């Protein structure tokens, strides 16, 4: 829906019957998905705002790649997008994640060690037996 609205504005797209039907079905689908949880969105306004910002940025990215096409394979473009997304995701994680960021378990090493320790009667590397 947001992509369609941005496309109307930035790409001078015209609405035809098919697009109106798609917009209507999209709105109905969103309302059906949110029907039981609409109250929960109001309980977490920051999460709701961040979710809407993410949807708007996705729509803007889609419209921008349509307006200014990039001459590279889709896999390379995706890799660049993910690489550039690390910066705002990292800042967001530092700002909003309780307790900061943790890289524990990234390699799987710490989880393997923990399970090995539990099987050997050890807790956090210390004998408990």
C-alpha atoms as a PDB file:
ATOM      1  CA  UNK A   1       0.000   0.000   0.000  1.00  0.00           C
ATOM      2  CA  UNK A   2       2.772   2.436   0.918  1.00  0.00           C
ATOM      3  CA  UNK A   3       4.703   1.499  -2.200  1.00  0.00           C
ATOM      4  CA  UNK A   4       1.635   2.221  -4.286  1.00  0.00           C
ATOM      5  CA  UNK A   5       1.133   5.624  -2.686  1.00  0.00           C
ATOM      6  CA  UNK A   6       4.816   6.521  -3.073  1.00  0.00           C
ATOM      7  CA  UNK A   7       4.680   5.297  -6.670  1.00  0.00           C
ATOM      8  CA  UNK A   8       1.760   7.599  -7.405  1.00  0.00           C
ATOM      9  CA  UNK A   9       3.736  10.514  -6.044  1.00  0.00           C
ATOM     10  CA  UNK A  10       7.296   9.799  -7.231  1.00  0.00           C
ATOM     11  CA  UNK A  11       6.797   7.698 -10.353  1.00  0.00           C
ATOM     12  CA  UNK A  12       3.655   9.358 -11.739  1.00  0.00           C
ATOM     13  CA  UNK A  13       1.912   5.996 -11.819  1.00  0.00           C
ATOM     14  CA  UNK A  14      -1.785   5.972 -12.584  1.00  0.00           C
ATOM     15  CA  UNK A  15      -4.362   3.999 -10.666  1.00  0.00           C
ATOM     16  CA  UNK A  16      -6.369   1.527 -12.692  1.00  0.00           C
ATOM     17  CA  UNK A  17      -9.026  -0.907 -11.556  1.00  0.00           C
ATOM     18  CA  UNK A  18      -6.510  -3.679 -10.865  1.00  0.00           C
ATOM     19  CA  UNK A  19      -4.394  -1.451  -8.600  1.00  0.00           C
ATOM     20  CA  UNK A  20      -7.447  -0.230  -6.686  1.00  0.00           C
ATOM     21  CA  UNK A  21      -8.518  -3.840  -6.138  1.00  0.00           C
ATOM     22  CA  UNK A  22      -5.019  -4.768  -4.968  1.00  0.00           C
ATOM     23  CA  UNK A  23      -4.985  -1.850  -2.564  1.00  0.00           C
ATOM     24  CA  UNK A  24      -8.400  -2.831  -1.220  1.00  0.00           C
ATOM     25  CA  UNK A  25      -7.443  -6.484  -0.744  1.00  0.00           C
ATOM     26  CA  UNK A  26      -4.215  -5.408   0.950  1.00  0.00           C
ATOM     27  CA  UNK A  27      -6.047  -3.191   3.421  1.00  0.00           C
ATOM     28  CA  UNK A  28      -8.582  -5.945   4.133  1.00  0.00           C
ATOM     29  CA  UNK A  29      -5.757  -8.447   4.692  1.00  0.00           C
ATOM     30  CA  UNK A  30      -3.969  -6.145   7.124  1.00  0.00           C
ATOM     31  CA  UNK A  31      -7.193  -5.517   9.032  1.00  0.00           C
ATOM     32  CA  UNK A  32      -7.865  -9.261   9.255  1.00  0.00           C
ATOM     33  CA  UNK A  33      -4.344  -9.915  10.543  1.00  0.00           C
ATOM     34  CA  UNK A  34      -4.566  -7.143  13.140  1.00  0.00           C
ATOM     35  CA  UNK A  35      -8.199  -7.681  14.171  1.00  0.00           C
ATOM     36  CA  UNK A  36      -7.418  -9.460  17.444  1.00  0.00           C
ATOM     37  CA  UNK A  37      -4.302  -7.476  18.279  1.00  0.00           C
ATOM     38  CA  UNK A  38      -5.170  -3.869  17.473  1.00  0.00           C
ATOM     39  CA  UNK A  39      -5.262  -3.013  21.200  1.00  0.00           C
ATOM     40  CA  UNK A  40      -1.741  -4.382  21.677  1.00  0.00           C
ATOM     41  CA  UNK A  41      -0.361  -1.910  19.138  1.00  0.00           C
ATOM     42  CA  UNK A  42      -1.527   0.958  21.346  1.00  0.00           C
ATOM     43  CA  UNK A  43       0.219  -0.555  24.375  1.00  0.00           C
ATOM     44  CA  UNK A  44       3.587  -0.353  22.635  1.00  0.00           C
ATOM     45  CA  UNK A  45       3.657   2.960  20.753  1.00  0.00           C
ATOM     46  CA  UNK A  46       7.416   2.917  20.172  1.00  0.00           C
ATOM     47  CA  UNK A  47       7.231  -0.538  18.609  1.00  0.00           C
ATOM     48  CA  UNK A  48       4.304   0.545  16.443  1.00  0.00           C
ATOM     49  CA  UNK A  49       6.160   3.647  15.247  1.00  0.00           C
ATOM     50  CA  UNK A  50       9.303   1.639  14.492  1.00  0.00           C
ATOM     51  CA  UNK A  51       7.246  -0.948  12.605  1.00  0.00           C
ATOM     52  CA  UNK A  52       5.626   1.779  10.482  1.00  0.00           C
ATOM     53  CA  UNK A  53       9.031   3.380   9.837  1.00  0.00           C
ATOM     54  CA  UNK A  54      10.409   0.032   8.696  1.00  0.00           C
ATOM     55  CA  UNK A  55       7.465  -0.454   6.328  1.00  0.00           C
ATOM     56  CA  UNK A  56       7.900   3.057   4.924  1.00  0.00           C
ATOM     57  CA  UNK A  57      11.626   2.581   4.379  1.00  0.00           C
ATOM     58  CA  UNK A  58      11.006  -0.741   2.614  1.00  0.00           C
ATOM     59  CA  UNK A  59       8.429   0.943   0.363  1.00  0.00           C
ATOM     60  CA  UNK A  60      10.767   3.861  -0.318  1.00  0.00           C
ATOM     61  CA  UNK A  61      13.573   1.458  -1.212  1.00  0.00           C
ATOM     62  CA  UNK A  62      11.327  -0.405  -3.624  1.00  0.00           C
ATOM     63  CA  UNK A  63      10.198   2.806  -5.321  1.00  0.00           C
ATOM     64  CA  UNK A  64      13.764   4.163  -5.484  1.00  0.00           C
ATOM     65  CA  UNK A  65      15.103   1.009  -7.150  1.00  0.00           C
ATOM     66  CA  UNK A  66      12.284   1.284  -9.683  1.00  0.00           C
ATOM     67  CA  UNK A  67      12.912   4.982 -10.316  1.00  0.00           C
ATOM     68  CA  UNK A  68      16.724   4.735 -10.400  1.00  0.00           C
ATOM     69  CA  UNK A  69      17.588   1.195 -11.557  1.00  0.00           C
ATOM     70  CA  UNK A  70      21.013  -0.166 -10.679  1.00  0.00           C
ATOM     71  CA  UNK A  71      22.928  -2.141 -13.273  1.00  0.00           C
ATOM     72  CA  UNK A  72      24.071  -5.039 -11.100  1.00  0.00           C
ATOM     73  CA  UNK A  73      22.791  -8.511 -10.267  1.00  0.00           C
ATOM     74  CA  UNK A  74      20.069  -8.705  -7.639  1.00  0.00           C
ATOM     75  CA  UNK A  75      22.307 -10.776  -5.344  1.00  0.00           C
ATOM     76  CA  UNK A  76      25.020  -8.091  -5.375  1.00  0.00           C
ATOM     77  CA  UNK A  77      22.484  -5.334  -4.772  1.00  0.00           C
ATOM     78  CA  UNK A  78      21.048  -7.294  -1.852  1.00  0.00           C
ATOM     79  CA  UNK A  79      24.522  -7.816  -0.382  1.00  0.00           C
ATOM     80  CA  UNK A  80      25.218  -4.076  -0.551  1.00  0.00           C
ATOM     81  CA  UNK A  81      21.862  -3.259   1.010  1.00  0.00           C
ATOM     82  CA  UNK A  82      22.516  -5.655   3.885  1.00  0.00           C
ATOM     83  CA  UNK A  83      26.023  -4.297   4.384  1.00  0.00           C
ATOM     84  CA  UNK A  84      24.736  -0.725   4.555  1.00  0.00           C
ATOM     85  CA  UNK A  85      21.874  -1.764   6.865  1.00  0.00           C
ATOM     86  CA  UNK A  86      24.347  -2.914   9.526  1.00  0.00           C
ATOM     87  CA  UNK A  87      24.976   0.687  10.631  1.00  0.00           C
ATOM     88  CA  UNK A  88      21.373   1.696  11.472  1.00  0.00           C
ATOM     89  CA  UNK A  89      20.601  -1.785  12.840  1.00  0.00           C
ATOM     90  CA  UNK A  90      23.629  -1.597  15.129  1.00  0.00           C
ATOM     91  CA  UNK A  91      22.690   1.872  16.344  1.00  0.00           C
ATOM     92  CA  UNK A  92      19.102   0.742  16.918  1.00  0.00           C
ATOM     93  CA  UNK A  93      20.265  -2.316  18.839  1.00  0.00           C
ATOM     94  CA  UNK A  94      22.511  -0.204  21.053  1.00  0.00           C
ATOM     95  CA  UNK A  95      19.736   2.289  21.732  1.00  0.00           C
ATOM     96  CA  UNK A  96      16.737   0.007  22.176  1.00  0.00           C
ATOM     97  CA  UNK A  97      17.980  -3.433  23.234  1.00  0.00           C
ATOM     98  CA  UNK A  98      17.875  -3.875  27.021  1.00  0.00           C
ATOM     99  CA  UNK A  99      21.332  -4.728  28.293  1.00  0.00           C
ATOM    100  CA  UNK A 100      23.027  -3.755  25.020  1.00  0.00           C
ATOM    101  CA  UNK A 101      24.191  -6.109  22.307  1.00  0.00           C
ATOM    102  CA  UNK A 102      25.539  -9.572  22.958  1.00  0.00           C
ATOM    103  CA  UNK A 103      27.479 -11.670  20.486  1.00  0.00           C
ATOM    104  CA  UNK A 104      27.292 -14.774  22.647  1.00  0.00           C
ATOM    105  CA  UNK A 105      26.304 -17.752  20.588  1.00  0.00           C
ATOM    106  CA  UNK A 106      27.303 -16.210  17.263  1.00  0.00           C
ATOM    107  CA  UNK A 107      29.910 -18.886  16.685  1.00  0.00           C
ATOM    108  CA  UNK A 108      27.975 -21.528  18.634  1.00  0.00           C
ATOM    109  CA  UNK A 109      31.089 -22.149  20.732  1.00  0.00           C
ATOM    110  CA  UNK A 110      29.693 -20.827  24.012  1.00  0.00           C
ATOM    111  CA  UNK A 111      26.472 -22.823  23.653  1.00  0.00           C
ATOM    112  CA  UNK A 112      28.375 -26.048  22.930  1.00  0.00           C
ATOM    113  CA  UNK A 113      30.579 -25.453  25.947  1.00  0.00           C
ATOM    114  CA  UNK A 114      27.566 -24.807  28.152  1.00  0.00           C
ATOM    115  CA  UNK A 115      25.857 -28.039  27.063  1.00  0.00           C
ATOM    116  CA  UNK A 116      29.117 -29.987  27.497  1.00  0.00           C
ATOM    117  CA  UNK A 117      29.524 -28.522  30.981  1.00  0.00           C
ATOM    118  CA  UNK A 118      25.977 -29.511  31.960  1.00  0.00           C
ATOM    119  CA  UNK A 119      26.551 -33.070  30.774  1.00  0.00           C
ATOM    120  CA  UNK A 120      29.768 -33.335  32.813  1.00  0.00           C
ATOM    121  CA  UNK A 121      28.309 -32.007  36.078  1.00  0.00           C
ATOM    122  CA  UNK A 122      29.837 -28.578  35.545  1.00  0.00           C
ATOM    123  CA  UNK A 123      28.132 -25.215  35.669  1.00  0.00           C
ATOM    124  CA  UNK A 124      29.797 -22.261  33.919  1.00  0.00           C
ATOM    125  CA  UNK A 125      33.076 -24.137  33.792  1.00  0.00           C
ATOM    126  CA  UNK A 126      33.066 -24.950  37.551  1.00  0.00           C
ATOM    127  CA  UNK A 127      32.668 -28.480  38.963  1.00  0.00           C
ATOM    128  CA  UNK A 128      29.328 -28.910  40.744  1.00  0.00           C
ATOM    129  CA  UNK A 129      29.664 -32.594  41.594  1.00  0.00           C
END
